[in-house]
Structure formats: structure tokens, C-alpha cells
Protein backbone atom coordinates (compact mmCIF):
# COMPACT_ATOMS: atom_id res chain seq x y z
CA UNK A 1 -115.90 127.04 -118.23
CA UNK A 2 -113.57 127.22 -115.27
CA UNK A 3 -110.32 126.61 -115.61
CA UNK A 4 -108.20 124.35 -113.01
CA UNK A 5 -104.91 126.01 -112.23
CA UNK A 6 -104.13 123.51 -109.48
CA UNK A 7 -101.07 121.17 -109.56
CA UNK A 8 -101.96 118.02 -111.40
CA UNK A 9 -102.34 114.92 -108.85
CA UNK A 10 -99.27 113.33 -108.36
CA UNK A 11 -98.53 109.84 -108.24
CA UNK A 12 -97.91 107.18 -105.25
CA UNK A 13 -94.05 107.09 -104.53
CA UNK A 14 -95.21 102.95 -104.77
CA UNK A 15 -95.47 102.79 -108.12
CA UNK A 16 -91.67 103.81 -108.58
CA UNK A 17 -90.03 101.14 -106.83
CA UNK A 18 -92.43 98.46 -107.91
CA UNK A 19 -90.19 98.35 -111.10
CA UNK A 20 -86.70 97.62 -108.67
CA UNK A 21 -88.43 95.79 -106.13
CA UNK A 22 -89.06 93.49 -109.38
CA UNK A 23 -85.37 93.17 -110.42
CA UNK A 24 -84.32 92.86 -107.07
CA UNK A 25 -86.57 89.79 -107.07
CA UNK A 26 -85.39 88.13 -110.10
CA UNK A 27 -81.78 88.45 -109.12
CA UNK A 28 -82.69 86.96 -105.94
CA UNK A 29 -84.08 83.86 -107.90
CA UNK A 30 -80.99 83.58 -110.25
CA UNK A 31 -78.55 83.56 -107.74
CA UNK A 32 -80.61 80.79 -106.07
CA UNK A 33 -81.05 79.01 -109.01
CA UNK A 34 -77.39 79.37 -110.33
CA UNK A 35 -75.89 78.74 -106.93
CA UNK A 36 -73.92 75.85 -106.14
CA UNK A 37 -74.60 74.58 -102.60
CA UNK A 38 -72.53 72.12 -101.05
CA UNK A 39 -73.62 69.31 -99.77
CA UNK A 40 -72.95 68.66 -95.51
CA UNK A 41 -70.08 66.57 -94.65
CA UNK A 42 -71.31 63.35 -92.77
CA UNK A 43 -68.83 64.14 -90.08
CA UNK A 44 -66.15 66.38 -89.23
CA UNK A 45 -62.30 65.60 -90.30
CA UNK A 46 -59.09 66.58 -89.44
CA UNK A 47 -56.83 66.60 -92.28
CA UNK A 48 -52.97 64.90 -91.63
CA UNK A 49 -50.69 68.01 -91.48
CA UNK A 50 -47.27 67.84 -92.94
CA UNK A 51 -44.46 69.38 -90.21
CA UNK A 52 -42.53 71.73 -91.74
CA UNK A 53 -38.89 70.95 -92.07
CA UNK A 54 -39.47 67.96 -89.19
CA UNK A 55 -36.58 65.64 -90.01
CA UNK A 56 -38.04 62.04 -90.36
CA UNK A 57 -35.81 59.28 -88.86
CA UNK A 58 -36.73 55.67 -87.13
CA UNK A 59 -35.19 52.59 -87.00
CA UNK A 60 -37.17 50.86 -90.10
CA UNK A 61 -37.80 52.57 -93.04
CA UNK A 62 -39.66 50.65 -95.96
CA UNK A 63 -39.75 52.11 -99.33
CA UNK A 64 -41.75 52.49 -102.50
CA UNK A 65 -40.93 53.40 -105.70
CA UNK A 66 -42.91 54.78 -108.77
CA UNK A 67 -43.35 50.92 -110.37
CA UNK A 68 -44.60 49.70 -106.96
CA UNK A 69 -41.40 47.94 -105.71
CA UNK A 70 -40.67 47.56 -101.99
CA UNK A 71 -37.62 47.81 -101.03
CA UNK A 72 -36.16 47.27 -97.01
CA UNK A 73 -32.68 47.66 -96.24
CA UNK A 74 -30.62 45.78 -98.68
CA UNK A 75 -34.08 43.47 -99.94
CA UNK A 76 -35.99 44.59 -102.66
CA UNK A 77 -39.81 42.95 -103.83
CA UNK A 78 -37.77 42.36 -107.33
CA UNK A 79 -35.09 39.53 -105.67
CA UNK A 80 -37.96 37.37 -104.93
CA UNK A 81 -40.55 38.47 -107.07
CA UNK A 82 -42.90 38.68 -103.98
CA UNK A 83 -43.05 41.11 -100.88
CA UNK A 84 -43.31 38.05 -98.17
CA UNK A 85 -39.61 37.19 -97.36
CA UNK A 86 -39.42 41.24 -97.24
CA UNK A 87 -42.50 41.73 -94.95
CA UNK A 88 -40.59 38.83 -92.64
CA UNK A 89 -37.50 40.13 -92.36
CA UNK A 90 -39.63 43.80 -91.85
CA UNK A 91 -41.33 41.84 -89.03
CA UNK A 92 -37.83 40.21 -87.91
CA UNK A 93 -36.77 43.46 -86.95
CA UNK A 94 -39.06 44.18 -84.98
CA UNK A 95 -36.93 43.06 -81.58
CA UNK A 96 -37.17 40.27 -79.97
CA UNK A 97 -39.87 41.56 -77.49
CA UNK A 98 -42.05 41.91 -80.24
CA UNK A 99 -42.52 38.52 -81.67
CA UNK A 100 -46.47 38.32 -81.47
CA UNK A 101 -49.08 40.36 -83.05
CA UNK A 102 -48.99 42.72 -80.09
CA UNK A 103 -45.96 44.73 -78.71
CA UNK A 104 -45.96 47.63 -76.15
CA UNK A 105 -43.19 49.37 -77.19
CA UNK A 106 -42.82 48.68 -81.18
CA UNK A 107 -40.43 50.25 -83.51
CA UNK A 108 -41.64 53.33 -85.57
CA UNK A 109 -41.79 52.24 -89.18
CA UNK A 110 -41.08 54.62 -91.73
CA UNK A 111 -42.96 54.35 -95.25
CA UNK A 112 -40.89 56.79 -98.17
CA UNK A 113 -43.54 56.23 -100.88
CA UNK A 114 -42.71 57.83 -104.11
CA UNK A 115 -45.72 60.49 -105.40
CA UNK A 116 -46.57 58.36 -108.45
CA UNK A 117 -46.74 55.26 -106.58
CA UNK A 118 -49.97 53.19 -107.24
CA UNK A 119 -52.14 53.68 -104.98
CA UNK A 120 -53.55 50.20 -105.06
CA UNK A 121 -50.30 49.12 -104.02
CA UNK A 122 -50.53 51.02 -101.44
CA UNK A 123 -53.75 50.31 -100.68
CA UNK A 124 -53.12 46.21 -100.42
CA UNK A 125 -49.60 46.58 -98.48
CA UNK A 126 -51.31 48.72 -95.34
CA UNK A 127 -52.99 45.54 -94.21
CA UNK A 128 -50.21 43.68 -95.34
CA UNK A 129 -48.28 45.69 -92.59
CA UNK A 130 -50.88 45.74 -90.37
CA UNK A 131 -50.75 41.71 -90.50
CA UNK A 132 -46.62 41.74 -89.74
CA UNK A 133 -47.50 43.91 -86.29
CA UNK A 134 -47.16 47.68 -87.44
CA UNK A 135 -50.42 48.85 -86.16
CA UNK A 136 -48.83 52.49 -87.25
CA UNK A 137 -47.12 53.12 -90.17
CA UNK A 138 -46.20 56.96 -90.72
CA UNK A 139 -46.30 58.30 -94.67
CA UNK A 140 -43.48 60.68 -95.35
CA UNK A 141 -44.45 63.48 -97.51
CA UNK A 142 -43.01 66.58 -99.06
CA UNK A 143 -43.64 70.26 -98.16
CA UNK A 144 -45.54 71.44 -101.06
CA UNK A 145 -44.26 74.67 -102.51
CA UNK A 146 -46.24 77.86 -102.36
């Protein structure tokens, strides 16, 4: 009987890589399944920017408090119970050259709204201001604390 003293046959090196490849593919599948994919935006939007340190000043300033009450100079919406007299006074202050809805040099209108003001009230106010002849309204914001 002959004794075989040759070194044992080695298994292919590919057999050692197979478990590692399996683990990599399992991790890949796990991350693909658990990843939260954001839906694409329907169109590009440029968000508004607050200008740090810019002083807000205009000829006309409308105030909106946390309860939804409007104020313009000495008038408030509480005085009349409705906004109509206040909006009429605001429209009258636009100037003699701005009698109609079309006005070439309309004065700036600033809106100082309280942070706790109802959004529904603000949303209802903007069309009323447009009807009063103010096509653009600048909302005053405060700079967020870092």
C-alpha cells in the first residue's frame, strides 16, 4: 500500500468569499427596504428669506394680533365689529392717485402679524387687502434665534 505524502488539495478561494458576499447583499437589501425615499418635488420653489437687521418701515402698517384683531393707526376691528371700515380707511390712505385698483406707485403695506395669529384669519385677510387695492403685502418676520 502506497502512502500519499502530497499536500492536501485546497478548496478554491471562491468558497471563502461566498458567505461575505451573501452578507453584503443582505445588508444592501435591508438598507434599500428600510430607507425612506423622499418623493420628488413637483416644481422648484424658492423659499422667502428674512433679511437680518433690515429695518422695516413703510407708510402704511397693518397689525394683526394673536386673537385675530386688526389694527391700523387708531382704528381696530373691535371698534366696528367688522373689518370693512378699517379696510376702507386703509384704501383711502393709498393716495389720491390710487383711486381704482390700478395704481402705478402704490405705497408699501407692511403686515405685522403676531406669531400666534390664526392662519385662517391671515388667509382671509390677504384677498380682502387685494380687493382694497394692495397687490403686494410685506409680512414682517423676526429673525429666528440660533
